[in-house]
Amino acid sequence: MTSKNTGNYRFPEGFLWGAATAAYQIEGSSMADGAGASIWDRFSHTPGMMLNGDTGDVACDHYNRWREDIDLMTRLNLQAYRFSVSWSRVMPEGRGRINDQGLAFYDRLIDGLLEKGIEPLCTLYHWDLPAALDDRGGWLNPDIADWFADYGQVLFEKFKGRVKTWGTINEPWVIVDGGYLHGALAPGHKSAFEAMIAGHNVLRAHGAAVKRFREVGEGQIGIVLNIEPKYPASDKPEDEAARKRAEAQMNRWFLDPLMGRGYPEELKDVYGEAYREFPQEDFDLIATPTDWMGLNWYTRSVPENAPDAWPVRARPVKQIQHAHTETGWEVYPPALTDTLVWLHEQTGGKLPLMVTENGSAWYDPPHAIDGRIQDPMRVDYLKNHLKALHDAIGKGVDIRGYMAWSLLDNLEWSLGYSKRFGITHVNFLTQERTIKDSGLLYAEVIKTHGEVLNTL
């Protein structure tokens, strides 16, 4: 694909600018007003699982401060807000009984967004499975596809006409790799055999929810994948083979079956005896057509062959000539352009894309200094990744929007509050919000349709 970019970073008319969050990371009050526990309530209260013993009990207190946070969105000029619903807040047992008070919270939030002219983008699932369903096997139980579709139907019907853009599941790979393969995330299992089963059921649940949406919903629906492009560490055949294994396990494990191609061949090599065959009818369900696809993008990886690195037998080589964020992720904006072009090609060029998360964690002080948070590294990251995004549009990729990660500093899962991704700073002692310099830049980007990037 050839680039049409001439150095003018004005984005297309109708391009949607917003920011993203996730329920457990910001809401707090996870057990309030009749809500049920999620696997993250359990995981975060298990000694040794969370850095510094942090939990989401309070988080950003968004459950009580949502009006203030919508006002913050207006100050940032946001046109859209991508959020997730806590399944166990709406259905405490994960199925059957609906908690009206929990559903009412999202009702108020959506109405509040619409009153301010902000489009709600609703994600059904961002990792916080009801604990009651985990007791029934969670993602290992094949019945979860129907449970998830039933849950989705509650939201599809309740918010019909108000939410026009839906996402089924956020980052299937992280759910499975973190929760079932390596145990770093809830529910904390470590089994390749379970990972294969859980991954398959996550995809089946997505397909079942899309089918149910076609029956009772209104608008557009898609899924959100995290893609980390893999560049070979050398031209050695063993490093190229390692790159292919890493790409298959992280990127193509979920993308390929969604596109009707089944699981990549390399996955058999990765999982060995844990690899399973599944019936064709499952793959037909998984490949149910969607309207769009979300890309969560943060960094690239340069893997080399590493026979001792279970199960992929690949290990990333740190690129010491580039900056790295507080999470150890390399800053390399051209890889975002490459990924968008690759994803456009992998989806046949027919599926509109949206960057549903992109951001970076850097050190920020615990409180504002003279009313300001200066975050020059995040400013630089944002500026250069938005330019890389525009370059992909110039190469013919159909990209409909960009959601910055994140609206707020929040609970970074098992890393607790140690990593700050927000374009808005949160003082976790007082809950004071302060728009960072990166947020001020982003507001200006939105105001000028990107043209301010021409001066930077």
Protein backbone atom coordinates (compact mmCIF):
# COMPACT_ATOMS: atom_id res chain seq x y z
CA MET A 1 0.00 0.00 0.00
CA THR A 2 1.29 3.45 -0.84
CA SER A 3 1.00 6.47 1.44
CA LYS A 4 -1.02 9.56 0.53
CA ASN A 5 0.18 11.57 3.53
CA THR A 6 1.62 14.95 2.51
CA GLY A 7 2.54 16.11 6.01
CA ASN A 8 -0.91 17.52 6.77
CA TYR A 9 -2.27 15.73 9.82
CA ARG A 10 -5.87 16.76 9.50
CA PHE A 11 -8.05 13.70 10.10
CA PRO A 12 -11.08 12.77 7.97
CA GLU A 13 -14.46 14.32 8.67
CA GLY A 14 -16.45 12.14 11.02
CA PHE A 15 -13.37 10.63 12.64
CA LEU A 16 -14.37 9.81 16.20
CA TRP A 17 -12.18 11.01 19.07
CA GLY A 18 -12.58 9.63 22.56
CA ALA A 19 -11.05 7.93 25.57
CA ALA A 20 -11.47 4.51 27.15
CA THR A 21 -11.77 2.93 30.59
CA ALA A 22 -12.84 -0.40 32.11
CA ALA A 23 -15.35 -1.00 34.87
CA TYR A 24 -13.22 -2.69 37.53
CA GLN A 25 -10.32 -0.31 36.94
CA ILE A 26 -12.27 2.87 37.71
CA GLU A 27 -15.69 2.31 39.24
CA GLY A 28 -15.04 1.20 42.81
CA SER A 29 -18.10 0.29 44.91
CA SER A 30 -17.97 -3.11 43.24
CA MET A 31 -20.34 -4.68 45.76
CA ALA A 32 -22.68 -1.69 46.15
CA ASP A 33 -26.42 -1.64 45.51
CA GLY A 34 -26.88 -5.37 45.17
CA ALA A 35 -23.93 -6.13 42.88
CA GLY A 36 -22.28 -9.52 42.97
CA ALA A 37 -18.57 -10.24 43.27
CA SER A 38 -16.39 -10.63 40.19
CA ILE A 39 -13.26 -12.72 39.78
CA TRP A 40 -11.27 -9.50 40.23
CA ASP A 41 -12.88 -8.86 43.61
CA ARG A 42 -11.64 -12.30 44.65
CA PHE A 43 -8.25 -12.09 42.96
CA SER A 44 -7.40 -8.64 44.32
CA HIS A 45 -8.24 -9.74 47.86
CA THR A 46 -6.05 -12.85 47.61
CA PRO A 47 -2.75 -12.20 49.43
CA GLY A 48 0.24 -11.95 47.12
CA MET A 49 -1.67 -11.50 43.87
CA MET A 50 -1.67 -7.67 43.69
CA LEU A 51 1.28 -5.29 43.90
CA ASN A 52 1.17 -3.48 47.25
CA GLY A 53 -2.04 -5.32 48.10
CA ASP A 54 -4.04 -2.84 46.00
CA THR A 55 -7.69 -3.54 45.15
CA GLY A 56 -10.46 -1.99 43.09
CA ASP A 57 -12.66 -1.40 46.13
CA VAL A 58 -12.44 2.38 45.59
CA ALA A 59 -10.33 2.80 42.44
CA CYS A 60 -11.32 6.18 40.89
CA ASP A 61 -14.71 6.17 42.66
CA HIS A 62 -16.32 6.63 39.24
CA TYR A 63 -19.47 4.91 40.50
CA ASN A 64 -20.10 8.00 42.62
CA ARG A 65 -18.22 10.61 40.57
CA TRP A 66 -19.49 9.82 37.07
CA ARG A 67 -21.07 13.26 36.65
CA GLU A 68 -17.75 14.92 37.45
CA ASP A 69 -16.02 12.58 35.02
CA ILE A 70 -18.46 13.44 32.22
CA ASP A 71 -17.71 17.11 32.86
CA LEU A 72 -14.04 16.19 32.54
CA MET A 73 -14.75 14.58 29.18
CA THR A 74 -16.34 17.80 27.92
CA ARG A 75 -13.26 19.76 28.99
CA LEU A 76 -11.19 17.30 26.94
CA ASN A 77 -13.48 17.84 23.91
CA LEU A 78 -14.22 14.13 23.77
CA GLN A 79 -16.75 13.03 21.18
CA ALA A 80 -16.99 9.45 22.47
CA TYR A 81 -16.42 7.48 25.64
CA ARG A 82 -15.59 3.78 25.56
CA PHE A 83 -16.51 2.04 28.81
CA SER A 84 -17.31 -1.48 29.95
CA VAL A 85 -20.19 -2.83 31.97
CA SER A 86 -19.61 -4.93 35.09
CA TRP A 87 -21.47 -8.17 34.35
CA SER A 88 -21.86 -8.96 38.07
CA ARG A 89 -23.20 -5.48 38.81
CA VAL A 90 -26.03 -6.10 36.36
CA MET A 91 -26.48 -9.84 37.00
CA PRO A 92 -25.04 -10.74 40.44
CA GLU A 93 -25.17 -14.49 39.77
CA GLY A 94 -24.05 -14.02 36.19
CA ARG A 95 -27.34 -15.30 34.80
CA GLY A 96 -31.02 -15.12 35.56
CA ARG A 97 -31.84 -12.36 38.04
CA ILE A 98 -31.22 -8.75 36.97
CA ASN A 99 -30.05 -6.21 39.55
CA ASP A 100 -32.10 -3.13 38.63
CA GLN A 101 -29.93 -0.80 40.72
CA GLY A 102 -26.80 -1.94 38.94
CA LEU A 103 -28.39 -1.55 35.53
CA ALA A 104 -29.63 1.91 36.55
CA PHE A 105 -26.06 3.11 37.07
CA TYR A 106 -25.24 2.53 33.40
CA ASP A 107 -28.63 3.97 32.43
CA ARG A 108 -27.70 7.23 34.18
CA LEU A 109 -24.19 7.21 32.74
CA ILE A 110 -25.39 6.75 29.16
CA ASP A 111 -28.04 9.44 29.51
CA GLY A 112 -25.44 11.78 31.00
CA LEU A 113 -23.09 11.18 28.09
CA LEU A 114 -25.79 11.77 25.51
CA GLU A 115 -26.87 14.99 27.22
CA LYS A 116 -23.33 16.30 26.68
CA GLY A 117 -23.18 15.11 23.08
CA ILE A 118 -20.72 12.30 23.86
CA GLU A 119 -21.29 9.00 22.07
CA PRO A 120 -21.25 5.94 24.36
CA LEU A 121 -19.23 2.98 23.10
CA CYS A 122 -20.17 0.01 25.28
CA THR A 123 -17.99 -3.04 25.88
CA LEU A 124 -19.84 -6.03 27.31
CA TYR A 125 -16.82 -7.68 28.92
CA HIS A 126 -13.50 -6.29 30.11
CA TRP A 127 -12.18 -9.19 32.21
CA ASP A 128 -14.46 -9.04 35.30
CA LEU A 129 -16.34 -12.34 35.10
CA PRO A 130 -18.99 -12.84 37.80
CA ALA A 131 -17.49 -14.97 40.56
CA ALA A 132 -20.67 -17.05 40.61
CA LEU A 133 -19.95 -18.13 37.02
CA ASP A 134 -16.32 -18.87 37.84
CA ASP A 135 -17.69 -21.27 40.45
CA ARG A 136 -19.41 -23.05 37.56
CA GLY A 137 -16.19 -23.30 35.59
CA GLY A 138 -16.10 -19.81 34.11
CA TRP A 139 -14.54 -19.71 30.66
CA LEU A 140 -13.88 -23.46 30.89
CA ASN A 141 -17.60 -24.24 30.85
CA PRO A 142 -19.03 -24.42 27.30
CA ASP A 143 -22.37 -23.12 28.60
CA ILE A 144 -20.75 -19.71 29.04
CA ALA A 145 -21.46 -18.86 25.40
CA ASP A 146 -25.19 -18.87 26.15
CA TRP A 147 -24.72 -17.12 29.52
CA PHE A 148 -22.83 -14.35 27.77
CA ALA A 149 -25.42 -13.96 25.02
CA ASP A 150 -28.18 -13.76 27.64
CA TYR A 151 -26.27 -11.07 29.51
CA GLY A 152 -25.66 -9.19 26.27
CA GLN A 153 -29.36 -9.31 25.45
CA VAL A 154 -30.19 -7.50 28.70
CA LEU A 155 -27.96 -4.61 27.65
CA PHE A 156 -28.89 -4.68 23.96
CA GLU A 157 -32.57 -4.30 24.83
CA LYS A 158 -32.14 -1.83 27.68
CA PHE A 159 -29.93 0.59 25.77
CA LYS A 160 -31.33 0.12 22.26
CA GLY A 161 -31.28 3.38 20.36
CA ARG A 162 -28.94 5.05 22.84
CA VAL A 163 -25.82 2.90 22.45
CA LYS A 164 -25.09 2.51 18.75
CA THR A 165 -21.63 0.96 18.90
CA TRP A 166 -21.02 -2.23 20.87
CA GLY A 167 -17.96 -4.33 21.61
CA THR A 168 -18.36 -7.90 22.80
CA ILE A 169 -15.08 -8.83 24.48
CA ASN A 170 -11.97 -6.82 25.22
CA GLU A 171 -8.65 -8.53 24.47
CA PRO A 172 -9.41 -12.27 24.43
CA TRP A 173 -5.69 -13.04 24.42
CA VAL A 174 -5.10 -11.27 27.73
CA ILE A 175 -8.08 -13.01 29.33
CA VAL A 176 -6.60 -16.36 28.40
CA ASP A 177 -2.84 -15.81 28.52
CA GLY A 178 -2.97 -13.87 31.78
CA GLY A 179 -5.85 -15.68 33.45
CA TYR A 180 -5.45 -19.30 32.37
CA LEU A 181 -1.92 -19.81 31.00
CA HIS A 182 0.41 -17.77 33.22
CA GLY A 183 -1.84 -16.96 36.18
CA ALA A 184 -0.83 -13.30 36.45
CA LEU A 185 -4.42 -12.11 36.12
CA ALA A 186 -7.78 -13.35 37.44
CA PRO A 187 -8.71 -16.13 37.89
CA GLY A 188 -5.02 -17.02 38.27
CA HIS A 189 -4.81 -20.44 36.60
CA LYS A 190 -1.65 -21.86 35.02
CA SER A 191 -2.47 -24.54 32.46
CA ALA A 192 -1.94 -24.78 28.73
CA PHE A 193 -4.78 -27.32 28.58
CA GLU A 194 -7.15 -24.84 30.22
CA ALA A 195 -5.89 -21.98 28.05
CA MET A 196 -6.92 -23.76 24.85
CA ILE A 197 -10.40 -24.46 26.22
CA ALA A 198 -10.90 -21.00 27.70
CA GLY A 199 -9.74 -19.29 24.52
CA HIS A 200 -12.17 -21.30 22.44
CA ASN A 201 -15.08 -20.54 24.75
CA VAL A 202 -14.26 -16.84 24.78
CA LEU A 203 -14.53 -16.85 21.00
CA ARG A 204 -17.73 -18.91 21.07
CA ALA A 205 -19.22 -16.43 23.53
CA HIS A 206 -18.37 -13.58 21.20
CA GLY A 207 -20.08 -15.34 18.29
CA ALA A 208 -23.15 -16.13 20.37
CA ALA A 209 -23.43 -12.50 21.50
CA VAL A 210 -23.18 -11.23 17.92
CA LYS A 211 -25.93 -13.63 16.82
CA ARG A 212 -28.14 -12.49 19.68
CA PHE A 213 -27.44 -8.85 18.82
CA ARG A 214 -28.68 -9.46 15.27
CA GLU A 215 -31.93 -10.79 16.74
CA VAL A 216 -32.67 -8.14 19.37
CA GLY A 217 -30.12 -5.31 19.08
CA GLU A 218 -29.68 -2.20 17.02
CA GLY A 219 -26.52 -0.53 15.76
CA GLN A 220 -23.07 -1.97 15.12
CA ILE A 221 -21.12 -4.64 16.95
CA GLY A 222 -17.54 -5.88 16.91
CA ILE A 223 -14.74 -7.29 19.04
CA VAL A 224 -11.59 -5.68 20.43
CA LEU A 225 -8.22 -7.42 19.95
CA ASN A 226 -4.81 -6.48 21.28
CA ILE A 227 -2.23 -6.92 18.56
CA GLU A 228 1.51 -6.72 19.22
CA PRO A 229 3.45 -6.97 15.95
CA LYS A 230 6.39 -9.33 15.97
CA TYR A 231 9.63 -8.35 14.23
CA PRO A 232 12.41 -10.97 13.93
CA ALA A 233 15.49 -10.44 16.07
CA SER A 234 17.74 -11.58 13.20
CA ASP A 235 17.65 -13.27 9.82
CA LYS A 236 18.39 -16.66 11.39
CA PRO A 237 15.77 -19.29 10.49
CA GLU A 238 15.25 -20.16 14.14
CA ASP A 239 14.45 -16.53 15.00
CA GLU A 240 11.98 -16.29 12.13
CA ALA A 241 10.33 -19.48 13.35
CA ALA A 242 10.17 -17.97 16.84
CA ARG A 243 8.58 -14.84 15.39
CA LYS A 244 5.92 -16.91 13.66
CA ARG A 245 5.14 -18.83 16.86
CA ALA A 246 4.88 -15.60 18.84
CA GLU A 247 2.65 -14.01 16.21
CA ALA A 248 0.41 -17.07 16.09
CA GLN A 249 0.05 -17.33 19.88
CA MET A 250 -0.62 -13.65 20.53
CA ASN A 251 -2.13 -12.18 17.38
CA ARG A 252 -3.51 -14.88 15.11
CA TRP A 253 -4.89 -17.25 17.79
CA PHE A 254 -7.99 -15.07 17.95
CA LEU A 255 -7.89 -13.09 14.70
CA ASP A 256 -7.72 -16.08 12.34
CA PRO A 257 -10.85 -17.90 13.56
CA LEU A 258 -12.76 -14.62 13.64
CA MET A 259 -11.95 -14.29 9.96
CA GLY A 260 -13.09 -17.86 9.24
CA ARG A 261 -9.61 -19.35 8.94
CA GLY A 262 -9.60 -21.54 12.05
CA TYR A 263 -6.60 -21.67 14.35
CA PRO A 264 -3.12 -21.06 12.92
CA GLU A 265 -0.99 -24.15 12.34
CA GLU A 266 1.78 -22.81 14.58
CA LEU A 267 -0.54 -23.07 17.57
CA LYS A 268 -0.13 -26.86 17.49
CA ASP A 269 3.61 -26.40 17.79
CA VAL A 270 3.17 -23.95 20.68
CA TYR A 271 0.78 -26.04 22.77
CA GLY A 272 1.76 -29.56 21.79
CA GLU A 273 -0.36 -32.12 23.62
CA ALA A 274 -2.52 -29.35 25.08
CA TYR A 275 -3.73 -28.37 21.60
CA ARG A 276 -7.31 -29.42 20.90
CA GLU A 277 -9.45 -29.87 17.83
CA PHE A 278 -12.96 -28.41 17.88
CA PRO A 279 -16.06 -29.00 15.73
CA GLN A 280 -16.61 -26.94 12.59
CA GLU A 281 -19.92 -25.64 13.93
CA ASP A 282 -17.97 -23.83 16.65
CA PHE A 283 -15.84 -22.09 14.06
CA ASP A 284 -18.93 -21.15 12.06
CA LEU A 285 -20.31 -19.47 15.20
CA ILE A 286 -17.02 -17.71 15.96
CA ALA A 287 -16.83 -16.30 12.44
CA THR A 288 -20.30 -14.71 12.61
CA PRO A 289 -19.82 -11.44 10.66
CA THR A 290 -19.35 -8.23 12.61
CA ASP A 291 -19.54 -4.55 11.68
CA TRP A 292 -16.18 -3.31 12.91
CA MET A 293 -13.05 -4.37 14.78
CA GLY A 294 -11.22 -2.64 17.59
CA LEU A 295 -7.44 -2.58 17.93
CA ASN A 296 -5.75 -2.07 21.29
CA TRP A 297 -2.16 -1.16 20.55
CA TYR A 298 0.75 -0.27 22.81
CA THR A 299 4.07 -1.61 21.55
CA ARG A 300 5.88 -4.10 19.35
CA SER A 301 8.03 -7.13 20.19
CA VAL A 302 11.28 -8.38 18.67
CA PRO A 303 11.42 -12.08 19.63
CA GLU A 304 14.35 -14.45 19.34
CA ASN A 305 14.37 -18.20 19.60
CA ALA A 306 14.40 -19.28 23.26
CA PRO A 307 13.82 -23.03 23.84
CA ASP A 308 13.37 -22.49 27.61
CA ALA A 309 10.59 -19.86 27.26
CA TRP A 310 7.37 -21.84 27.80
CA PRO A 311 5.22 -22.33 25.83
CA VAL A 312 6.08 -20.18 22.80
CA ARG A 313 9.85 -20.80 22.91
CA ALA A 314 10.44 -17.15 22.04
CA ARG A 315 11.75 -14.29 24.14
CA PRO A 316 11.65 -10.56 23.30
CA VAL A 317 14.97 -8.81 22.78
CA LYS A 318 15.01 -5.36 24.36
CA GLN A 319 15.65 -2.63 21.80
CA ILE A 320 17.99 -0.48 23.86
CA GLN A 321 18.20 2.34 21.33
CA HIS A 322 14.55 3.29 21.98
CA ALA A 323 12.70 4.67 24.97
CA HIS A 324 10.70 2.29 27.15
CA THR A 325 7.66 3.08 29.26
CA GLU A 326 7.21 2.35 32.97
CA THR A 327 5.75 -1.02 31.99
CA GLY A 328 8.91 -1.83 30.01
CA TRP A 329 7.28 -1.43 26.61
CA GLU A 330 9.32 -0.10 23.72
CA VAL A 331 8.18 3.17 22.14
CA TYR A 332 8.18 2.60 18.39
CA PRO A 333 5.36 4.47 16.59
CA PRO A 334 6.06 3.11 13.06
CA ALA A 335 4.89 -0.29 14.32
CA LEU A 336 1.39 1.14 14.84
CA THR A 337 1.24 2.06 11.15
CA ASP A 338 2.53 -1.40 10.22
CA THR A 339 -0.03 -3.09 12.47
CA LEU A 340 -2.97 -1.15 11.08
CA VAL A 341 -1.92 -1.94 7.51
CA TRP A 342 -1.44 -5.63 8.44
CA LEU A 343 -4.81 -5.82 10.20
CA HIS A 344 -6.50 -4.14 7.23
CA GLU A 345 -5.04 -6.82 4.98
CA GLN A 346 -5.82 -9.68 7.38
CA THR A 347 -9.47 -8.64 7.53
CA GLY A 348 -9.75 -8.42 3.75
CA GLY A 349 -9.88 -4.63 3.73
CA LYS A 350 -13.64 -4.75 4.29
CA LEU A 351 -13.93 -4.32 8.06
CA PRO A 352 -13.75 -0.78 9.47
CA LEU A 353 -11.17 -0.47 12.23
CA MET A 354 -11.02 1.66 15.35
CA VAL A 355 -8.06 2.17 17.67
CA THR A 356 -9.90 1.39 20.89
CA GLU A 357 -6.89 1.73 23.22
CA ASN A 358 -3.50 3.38 22.86
CA GLY A 359 -1.46 4.97 25.60
CA SER A 360 1.58 4.78 27.83
CA ALA A 361 2.55 4.63 31.49
CA TRP A 362 5.17 7.08 32.75
CA TYR A 363 6.07 8.34 36.18
CA ASP A 364 3.72 11.06 37.41
CA PRO A 365 3.82 12.57 40.91
CA PRO A 366 1.10 11.45 43.36
CA HIS A 367 -0.49 14.90 43.30
CA ALA A 368 -0.55 17.94 41.03
CA ILE A 369 2.18 20.54 41.41
CA ASP A 370 0.86 24.10 41.18
CA GLY A 371 -2.29 22.69 39.60
CA ARG A 372 -0.42 21.02 36.76
CA ILE A 373 0.89 17.60 35.72
CA GLN A 374 3.74 17.85 33.23
CA ASP A 375 4.15 14.56 31.37
CA PRO A 376 6.47 15.23 28.41
CA MET A 377 7.10 11.56 27.59
CA ARG A 378 3.37 10.85 27.34
CA VAL A 379 2.92 13.99 25.24
CA ASP A 380 5.62 12.74 22.89
CA TYR A 381 4.11 9.25 22.77
CA LEU A 382 0.64 10.60 21.99
CA LYS A 383 1.85 13.02 19.34
CA ASN A 384 3.92 10.47 17.45
CA HIS A 385 1.36 7.69 17.63
CA LEU A 386 -1.38 9.94 16.31
CA LYS A 387 0.91 10.79 13.41
CA ALA A 388 1.53 7.07 12.85
CA LEU A 389 -2.22 6.50 12.89
CA HIS A 390 -2.69 9.23 10.29
CA ASP A 391 0.03 7.61 8.17
CA ALA A 392 -2.02 4.39 8.14
CA ILE A 393 -5.09 6.30 6.97
CA GLY A 394 -2.90 7.75 4.22
CA LYS A 395 -2.06 4.19 3.18
CA GLY A 396 -5.74 3.44 2.63
CA VAL A 397 -6.67 1.83 5.96
CA ASP A 398 -10.30 2.48 6.96
CA ILE A 399 -9.95 3.77 10.54
CA ARG A 400 -13.04 5.30 12.08
CA GLY A 401 -11.80 6.55 15.45
CA TYR A 402 -9.22 6.71 18.25
CA MET A 403 -9.83 6.09 21.95
CA ALA A 404 -6.97 7.20 24.20
CA TRP A 405 -6.06 4.89 27.07
CA SER A 406 -6.98 6.06 29.47
CA LEU A 407 -9.34 8.81 30.51
CA LEU A 408 -8.11 8.44 34.10
CA ASP A 409 -5.18 7.02 36.00
CA ASN A 410 -6.61 3.81 37.40
CA LEU A 411 -6.01 0.35 38.81
CA GLU A 412 -3.58 -1.28 36.39
CA TRP A 413 -4.85 -4.76 37.24
CA SER A 414 -2.31 -6.83 39.23
CA LEU A 415 0.16 -3.91 39.09
CA GLY A 416 -2.25 -1.94 41.28
CA TYR A 417 -1.90 1.83 41.23
CA SER A 418 1.82 1.77 40.44
CA LYS A 419 1.42 2.52 36.71
CA ARG A 420 -0.37 5.64 35.48
CA PHE A 421 -1.79 5.57 31.94
CA GLY A 422 -4.27 8.43 32.24
CA ILE A 423 -4.42 11.65 30.27
CA THR A 424 -6.06 12.85 33.49
CA HIS A 425 -4.20 12.50 36.78
CA VAL A 426 -5.99 11.05 39.80
CA ASN A 427 -4.80 11.77 43.31
CA PHE A 428 -5.81 8.45 44.87
CA LEU A 429 -5.89 9.94 48.39
CA THR A 430 -8.32 12.74 47.54
CA GLN A 431 -9.76 11.62 44.17
CA GLU A 432 -8.86 15.04 42.73
CA ARG A 433 -8.68 14.99 38.93
CA THR A 434 -6.12 17.11 37.03
CA ILE A 435 -5.88 17.10 33.26
CA LYS A 436 -2.26 16.38 32.35
CA ASP A 437 -0.35 18.20 29.64
CA SER A 438 -1.01 15.17 27.41
CA GLY A 439 -4.73 15.62 27.99
CA LEU A 440 -4.49 19.30 27.10
CA LEU A 441 -2.70 18.36 23.87
CA TYR A 442 -5.34 15.74 23.10
CA ALA A 443 -8.12 18.29 23.61
CA GLU A 444 -6.38 20.55 21.09
CA VAL A 445 -5.94 17.68 18.63
CA ILE A 446 -9.68 17.03 18.77
CA LYS A 447 -10.53 20.72 18.47
CA THR A 448 -8.35 21.11 15.35
CA HIS A 449 -9.18 17.72 13.78
CA GLY A 450 -5.50 16.87 14.20
CA GLU A 451 -4.06 19.94 12.52
CA VAL A 452 -2.21 21.00 15.66
CA LEU A 453 0.06 18.01 14.96
CA ASN A 454 1.36 19.91 11.92
CA THR A 455 3.13 22.29 14.32
CA LEU A 456 4.66 19.60 16.55
